[in-house]
């Protein structure tokens, strides 16, 4: 097994690295890496129903769709991610124990009693600190997991505090669990970097790994291309979920506003406003202005800059429209 060493913290690049390694290497590989603050979305999820859009915008969080399934997770530099990419037979997919056991055995060296719970979670003292996910490509399995070591829990809870009840779709919904930071269970304090170094050494010893690979300039160029053409794109991260409906209702000074929005591949293909507000113009004129527009706050704001909302909803503002549409 080869250990691939890198210190990149850009989440778009990190997911491109996984895809690049999966395609490039014939040998089994593992990596341990960190992301700057971001949200990672499962392949089969509706991004908008998993994230707190206002919180994401306020804190400038990256949102990245994985190539694996599972639920949405929050990452920051207090999170460690580990990746195993191995050649397998057809019976290995969803065998989470094979890839989490090296992590469990490593943690037991630190006298931390952890176990695999359910399908894909690692727990300590009954609380989750690691979620795991997989995908298969040809004869290879990519297994990756996150370890909450010293993550900012306020940001974790704020970023993932979405009201999915307002969305109607066929996406996989995240299951929220009671989570904890692993650093709280250490007998002797360690920084996240010290813990990362310990984990790398432990896994390398277990697999008798003596080979370390560091990306060349040409490798980085190819990785950047994958990121630019896939993982950094709005269409991949937000628009790739085919169809969903968003519904909301708000009461403002000018009355109650209800909205139903149908989105296909990230684009609004129909929208209807209802309510007890007064209007001097046809509400259908306002609705038509949003058809064909990305379901994205910045794009909706561009539309509203050229709209006199008062004409369609008396005593309403652009901000009120944004509140009800998101």
Protein backbone atom coordinates (compact mmCIF):
# COMPACT_ATOMS: atom_id res chain seq x y z
CA UNK A 1 0.00 0.00 0.00
CA UNK A 2 1.19 3.52 -0.85
CA UNK A 3 0.73 6.50 1.44
CA UNK A 4 0.03 9.63 -0.60
CA UNK A 5 1.19 12.70 1.29
CA UNK A 6 -0.22 16.15 0.62
CA UNK A 7 -1.19 19.19 2.68
CA UNK A 8 -3.87 20.74 0.48
CA UNK A 9 -6.93 22.09 2.32
CA UNK A 10 -8.99 23.27 -0.66
CA UNK A 11 -12.03 20.92 -0.65
CA UNK A 12 -12.60 21.16 -4.41
CA UNK A 13 -9.00 20.09 -5.02
CA UNK A 14 -9.14 17.37 -2.36
CA UNK A 15 -12.06 15.66 -4.06
CA UNK A 16 -10.32 15.97 -7.41
CA UNK A 17 -7.28 14.29 -5.80
CA UNK A 18 -9.38 11.28 -4.85
CA UNK A 19 -10.69 10.91 -8.40
CA UNK A 20 -7.21 11.36 -9.85
CA UNK A 21 -5.65 8.75 -7.56
CA UNK A 22 -8.46 6.30 -8.27
CA UNK A 23 -7.76 6.55 -12.00
CA UNK A 24 -3.95 6.86 -11.93
CA UNK A 25 -2.67 4.28 -9.46
CA UNK A 26 -2.82 0.52 -9.84
CA UNK A 27 -1.49 0.02 -6.30
CA UNK A 28 -3.65 0.28 -3.17
CA UNK A 29 -3.37 3.75 -1.62
CA UNK A 30 -4.39 5.69 1.45
CA UNK A 31 -4.40 9.38 2.34
CA UNK A 32 -5.16 11.50 5.40
CA UNK A 33 -6.14 15.08 4.69
CA UNK A 34 -7.95 18.16 5.96
CA UNK A 35 -10.33 20.74 4.50
CA UNK A 36 -10.83 24.40 5.24
CA UNK A 37 -14.41 25.06 6.52
CA UNK A 38 -16.86 23.51 4.06
CA UNK A 39 -19.86 21.24 3.65
CA UNK A 40 -19.54 17.92 1.81
CA UNK A 41 -22.72 16.66 0.16
CA UNK A 42 -23.47 13.04 -0.75
CA UNK A 43 -23.74 12.17 -4.43
CA UNK A 44 -27.49 11.48 -4.24
CA UNK A 45 -28.51 14.48 -2.14
CA UNK A 46 -30.34 17.72 -2.91
CA UNK A 47 -27.81 20.32 -1.74
CA UNK A 48 -30.42 22.99 -1.00
CA UNK A 49 -32.31 20.74 1.43
CA UNK A 50 -29.14 19.88 3.38
CA UNK A 51 -27.50 23.25 4.02
CA UNK A 52 -28.41 26.44 5.85
CA UNK A 53 -28.09 28.75 2.85
CA UNK A 54 -27.86 31.97 4.88
CA UNK A 55 -25.19 30.54 7.18
CA UNK A 56 -23.18 29.22 4.22
CA UNK A 57 -23.24 32.62 2.54
CA UNK A 58 -22.43 34.56 5.71
CA UNK A 59 -19.42 32.36 6.52
CA UNK A 60 -18.33 31.90 2.90
CA UNK A 61 -18.34 28.10 3.19
CA UNK A 62 -17.44 25.96 0.21
CA UNK A 63 -20.06 23.35 -0.70
CA UNK A 64 -18.74 20.27 -2.50
CA UNK A 65 -20.57 17.21 -3.78
CA UNK A 66 -18.71 13.94 -3.22
CA UNK A 67 -18.63 11.09 -5.73
CA UNK A 68 -19.80 8.77 -2.93
CA UNK A 69 -23.22 8.44 -1.33
CA UNK A 70 -24.22 9.08 2.26
CA UNK A 71 -25.21 12.25 4.09
CA UNK A 72 -24.00 15.82 4.37
CA UNK A 73 -21.12 16.61 6.75
CA UNK A 74 -19.32 19.72 7.94
CA UNK A 75 -15.52 19.94 7.76
CA UNK A 76 -13.01 22.38 9.14
CA UNK A 77 -9.33 22.12 10.01
CA UNK A 78 -10.32 20.29 13.20
CA UNK A 79 -11.59 17.41 11.04
CA UNK A 80 -9.40 14.64 9.65
CA UNK A 81 -10.47 12.81 6.51
CA UNK A 82 -9.04 9.45 5.53
CA UNK A 83 -9.25 7.71 2.15
CA UNK A 84 -8.51 4.13 1.15
CA UNK A 85 -8.50 3.23 -2.55
CA UNK A 86 -8.08 -0.48 -3.15
CA UNK A 87 -8.67 -3.12 -5.81
CA UNK A 88 -11.47 -5.45 -4.71
CA UNK A 89 -13.77 -8.27 -5.74
CA UNK A 90 -17.51 -7.73 -6.15
CA UNK A 91 -18.34 -8.63 -2.54
CA UNK A 92 -16.41 -5.83 -0.87
CA UNK A 93 -18.69 -2.85 -1.57
CA UNK A 94 -20.37 -1.58 1.60
CA UNK A 95 -17.99 -3.62 3.76
CA UNK A 96 -17.28 -0.66 6.02
CA UNK A 97 -15.62 -2.76 8.70
CA UNK A 98 -12.67 -3.61 6.46
CA UNK A 99 -11.70 0.06 6.20
CA UNK A 100 -12.74 1.35 9.62
CA UNK A 101 -10.98 -1.40 11.59
CA UNK A 102 -7.49 0.12 11.01
CA UNK A 103 -8.85 3.38 12.47
CA UNK A 104 -10.42 1.55 15.43
CA UNK A 105 -7.21 -0.35 16.18
CA UNK A 106 -5.18 2.85 15.97
CA UNK A 107 -7.45 4.63 18.44
CA UNK A 108 -7.29 1.73 20.86
CA UNK A 109 -3.54 2.34 21.05
CA UNK A 110 -4.55 5.66 22.65
CA UNK A 111 -6.86 3.81 25.07
CA UNK A 112 -9.97 5.19 23.36
CA UNK A 113 -12.76 2.60 23.25
CA UNK A 114 -14.48 3.06 19.89
CA UNK A 115 -16.65 0.82 17.73
CA UNK A 116 -18.42 0.62 14.39
CA UNK A 117 -22.10 1.38 14.91
CA UNK A 118 -24.88 0.60 12.46
CA UNK A 119 -23.82 0.66 8.84
CA UNK A 120 -21.09 3.29 8.64
CA UNK A 121 -20.53 5.30 11.85
CA UNK A 122 -17.76 5.14 14.43
CA UNK A 123 -18.86 6.00 17.95
CA UNK A 124 -17.27 6.67 21.31
CA UNK A 125 -19.28 6.65 24.53
CA UNK A 126 -22.45 6.30 22.45
CA UNK A 127 -21.77 9.39 20.34
CA UNK A 128 -20.75 9.62 16.70
CA UNK A 129 -17.35 11.07 15.76
CA UNK A 130 -16.88 9.51 12.32
CA UNK A 131 -19.07 8.90 9.28
CA UNK A 132 -17.98 6.78 6.32
CA UNK A 133 -18.93 6.46 2.69
CA UNK A 134 -17.92 4.49 -0.40
CA UNK A 135 -18.09 4.42 -4.16
CA UNK A 136 -16.98 1.84 -6.70
CA UNK A 137 -15.29 2.40 -10.04
CA UNK A 138 -14.47 -0.61 -12.22
CA UNK A 139 -12.49 -2.95 -9.92
CA UNK A 140 -11.72 -0.35 -7.24
CA UNK A 141 -13.39 0.81 -4.06
CA UNK A 142 -12.89 4.31 -2.73
CA UNK A 143 -13.68 4.41 0.96
CA UNK A 144 -13.45 7.69 2.82
CA UNK A 145 -14.40 8.81 6.27
CA UNK A 146 -14.26 11.89 8.45
CA UNK A 147 -13.05 12.11 12.04
CA UNK A 148 -14.35 14.95 14.19
CA UNK A 149 -11.28 15.69 16.27
CA UNK A 150 -11.61 19.32 17.36
CA UNK A 151 -14.27 20.65 14.98
CA UNK A 152 -16.13 23.89 15.75
CA UNK A 153 -19.50 22.49 16.85
CA UNK A 154 -21.27 25.84 16.60
CA UNK A 155 -20.36 26.06 12.91
CA UNK A 156 -21.21 22.41 12.34
CA UNK A 157 -24.70 22.84 13.76
CA UNK A 158 -25.26 26.20 12.05
CA UNK A 159 -24.13 25.11 8.60
CA UNK A 160 -26.27 21.96 8.49
CA UNK A 161 -29.36 23.44 10.13
CA UNK A 162 -31.58 23.21 7.04
CA UNK A 163 -35.36 22.87 6.99
CA UNK A 164 -35.66 19.92 4.62
CA UNK A 165 -39.44 19.77 5.19
CA UNK A 166 -39.78 22.64 2.71
CA UNK A 167 -38.35 20.44 -0.06
CA UNK A 168 -40.14 17.70 -1.96
CA UNK A 169 -37.72 15.44 -3.82
CA UNK A 170 -36.31 11.91 -4.09
CA UNK A 171 -32.92 12.72 -2.61
CA UNK A 172 -31.19 10.86 0.20
CA UNK A 173 -31.74 12.76 3.46
CA UNK A 174 -29.03 13.11 6.08
CA UNK A 175 -29.68 11.52 9.46
CA UNK A 176 -28.54 13.81 12.25
CA UNK A 177 -26.82 12.04 15.15
CA UNK A 178 -25.43 13.17 18.44
CA UNK A 179 -21.83 13.96 17.61
CA UNK A 180 -18.70 14.62 19.63
CA UNK A 181 -15.07 15.62 19.22
CA UNK A 182 -12.58 12.81 19.66
CA UNK A 183 -10.07 15.08 21.41
CA UNK A 184 -12.34 15.06 24.49
CA UNK A 185 -11.54 11.37 25.05
CA UNK A 186 -7.75 11.52 24.86
CA UNK A 187 -5.85 10.59 28.01
CA UNK A 188 -3.04 12.91 26.93
CA UNK A 189 -3.78 16.13 24.97
CA UNK A 190 -2.80 16.24 21.28
CA UNK A 191 -3.23 18.83 18.56
CA UNK A 192 -5.05 17.82 15.40
CA UNK A 193 -1.72 17.81 13.54
CA UNK A 194 -0.12 15.58 16.16
CA UNK A 195 -3.11 13.25 15.93
CA UNK A 196 -2.85 13.21 12.14
CA UNK A 197 0.83 12.25 12.35
CA UNK A 198 0.02 9.51 14.86
CA UNK A 199 -2.71 8.08 12.64
CA UNK A 200 -0.49 8.08 9.55
CA UNK A 201 2.30 6.28 11.40
CA UNK A 202 -0.10 3.73 12.90
CA UNK A 203 -1.74 2.85 9.58
CA UNK A 204 1.59 2.67 7.76
CA UNK A 205 2.85 0.23 10.39
CA UNK A 206 -0.29 -1.89 10.18
CA UNK A 207 -0.06 -2.25 6.40
CA UNK A 208 3.75 -2.45 6.42
CA UNK A 209 3.73 0.57 4.14
CA UNK A 210 7.13 2.02 3.33
CA UNK A 211 6.25 3.88 0.13
CA UNK A 212 5.30 7.57 0.25
CA UNK A 213 4.16 9.35 -2.89
CA UNK A 214 4.18 13.13 -3.33
CA UNK A 215 2.45 14.71 -6.30
CA UNK A 216 4.60 16.12 -9.08
CA UNK A 217 3.96 19.43 -10.82
CA UNK A 218 2.32 17.51 -13.65
CA UNK A 219 0.10 15.65 -11.16
CA UNK A 220 -1.08 18.93 -9.63
CA UNK A 221 -1.83 20.34 -13.08
CA UNK A 222 -4.07 17.37 -13.90
CA UNK A 223 -5.73 17.48 -10.48
CA UNK A 224 -6.48 21.19 -10.90
CA UNK A 225 -8.10 20.45 -14.26
CA UNK A 226 -10.42 17.86 -12.68
CA UNK A 227 -11.36 20.34 -9.97
CA UNK A 228 -12.04 23.18 -12.42
CA UNK A 229 -14.12 21.00 -14.72
CA UNK A 230 -16.13 19.22 -12.04
CA UNK A 231 -15.82 19.76 -8.29
CA UNK A 232 -15.59 23.57 -8.35
CA UNK A 233 -18.62 23.94 -10.64
CA UNK A 234 -22.00 25.19 -9.42
CA UNK A 235 -23.67 22.71 -11.76
CA UNK A 236 -21.98 19.73 -10.04
CA UNK A 237 -22.46 20.95 -6.48
CA UNK A 238 -25.95 22.44 -6.71
CA UNK A 239 -27.49 21.68 -10.08
CA UNK A 240 -26.78 17.99 -10.58
CA UNK A 241 -29.82 16.85 -8.58
CA UNK A 242 -32.43 16.50 -11.30
CA UNK A 243 -35.71 17.81 -9.88
CA UNK A 244 -37.14 19.11 -6.63
CA UNK A 245 -39.91 21.38 -5.37
CA UNK A 246 -39.48 24.05 -2.72
CA UNK A 247 -42.44 25.45 -0.77
CA UNK A 248 -42.50 28.20 1.85
CA UNK A 249 -44.83 30.66 3.52
CA UNK A 250 -44.04 33.93 5.31
CA UNK A 251 -46.10 36.73 6.85
CA UNK A 252 -44.92 40.29 6.14
CA UNK A 253 -46.30 43.77 6.71
CA UNK A 254 -48.02 43.60 3.32
CA UNK A 255 -49.62 40.20 3.97
CA UNK A 256 -48.95 36.49 3.73
CA UNK A 257 -46.86 35.19 0.80
CA UNK A 258 -46.70 31.55 -0.22
CA UNK A 259 -44.39 30.21 -2.92
CA UNK A 260 -44.03 26.92 -4.77
CA UNK A 261 -40.88 26.58 -6.88
CA UNK A 262 -40.08 23.70 -9.23
CA UNK A 263 -36.36 23.32 -9.96
CA UNK A 264 -34.86 21.10 -12.65
CA UNK A 265 -31.08 20.64 -12.78
CA UNK A 266 -30.66 23.76 -10.65
CA UNK A 267 -32.85 25.96 -12.90
CA UNK A 268 -36.31 27.31 -11.99
CA UNK A 269 -38.76 25.89 -14.51
CA UNK A 270 -41.96 27.03 -12.76
CA UNK A 271 -42.88 29.26 -9.82
CA UNK A 272 -46.17 30.36 -8.27
CA UNK A 273 -46.84 33.03 -5.64
CA UNK A 274 -50.02 32.96 -3.56
CA UNK A 275 -51.24 35.09 -0.65
CA UNK A 276 -53.55 37.78 0.68
CA UNK A 277 -51.34 40.65 -0.49
CA UNK A 278 -52.65 43.45 -2.74
CA UNK A 279 -51.33 43.86 -6.28
CA UNK A 280 -51.65 46.53 -8.95
CA UNK A 281 -49.93 44.32 -11.53
CA UNK A 282 -50.40 40.74 -12.67
CA UNK A 283 -48.48 38.42 -10.37
CA UNK A 284 -47.78 36.19 -13.37
CA UNK A 285 -45.50 38.93 -14.75
CA UNK A 286 -43.31 38.64 -11.66
CA UNK A 287 -43.31 34.84 -11.81
CA UNK A 288 -42.21 34.88 -15.46
CA UNK A 289 -39.07 36.86 -14.55
CA UNK A 290 -37.71 33.89 -12.59
CA UNK A 291 -38.29 31.18 -15.19
CA UNK A 292 -34.99 29.84 -16.56
CA UNK A 293 -32.95 31.43 -13.74
CA UNK A 294 -30.58 29.46 -11.48
CA UNK A 295 -32.09 28.71 -8.09
CA UNK A 296 -29.29 30.65 -6.46
CA UNK A 297 -29.45 33.73 -4.23
CA UNK A 298 -27.04 35.82 -6.27
CA UNK A 299 -28.92 35.10 -9.50
CA UNK A 300 -32.31 35.90 -7.95
CA UNK A 301 -30.92 39.17 -6.58
CA UNK A 302 -29.84 40.13 -10.10
CA UNK A 303 -33.41 39.64 -11.29
CA UNK A 304 -34.89 41.62 -8.41
CA UNK A 305 -32.63 44.61 -9.04
CA UNK A 306 -34.69 45.34 -12.15
CA UNK A 307 -38.11 44.65 -10.59
CA UNK A 308 -40.51 46.97 -8.80
CA UNK A 309 -41.79 44.45 -6.25
CA UNK A 310 -44.37 46.96 -4.93
CA UNK A 311 -46.21 46.69 -8.25
CA UNK A 312 -46.91 43.01 -7.63
CA UNK A 313 -47.02 42.86 -3.83
CA UNK A 314 -47.98 46.06 -2.06
CA UNK A 315 -45.79 46.95 0.97
CA UNK A 316 -43.31 44.18 0.08
CA UNK A 317 -39.56 44.50 -0.56
CA UNK A 318 -36.87 42.61 -2.44
CA UNK A 319 -35.69 41.28 0.91
CA UNK A 320 -39.16 39.86 1.60
CA UNK A 321 -39.11 38.00 -1.72
CA UNK A 322 -35.69 36.55 -0.90
CA UNK A 323 -36.90 35.45 2.52
CA UNK A 324 -39.79 33.49 1.12
CA UNK A 325 -37.90 32.03 -1.88
CA UNK A 326 -35.07 30.66 0.28
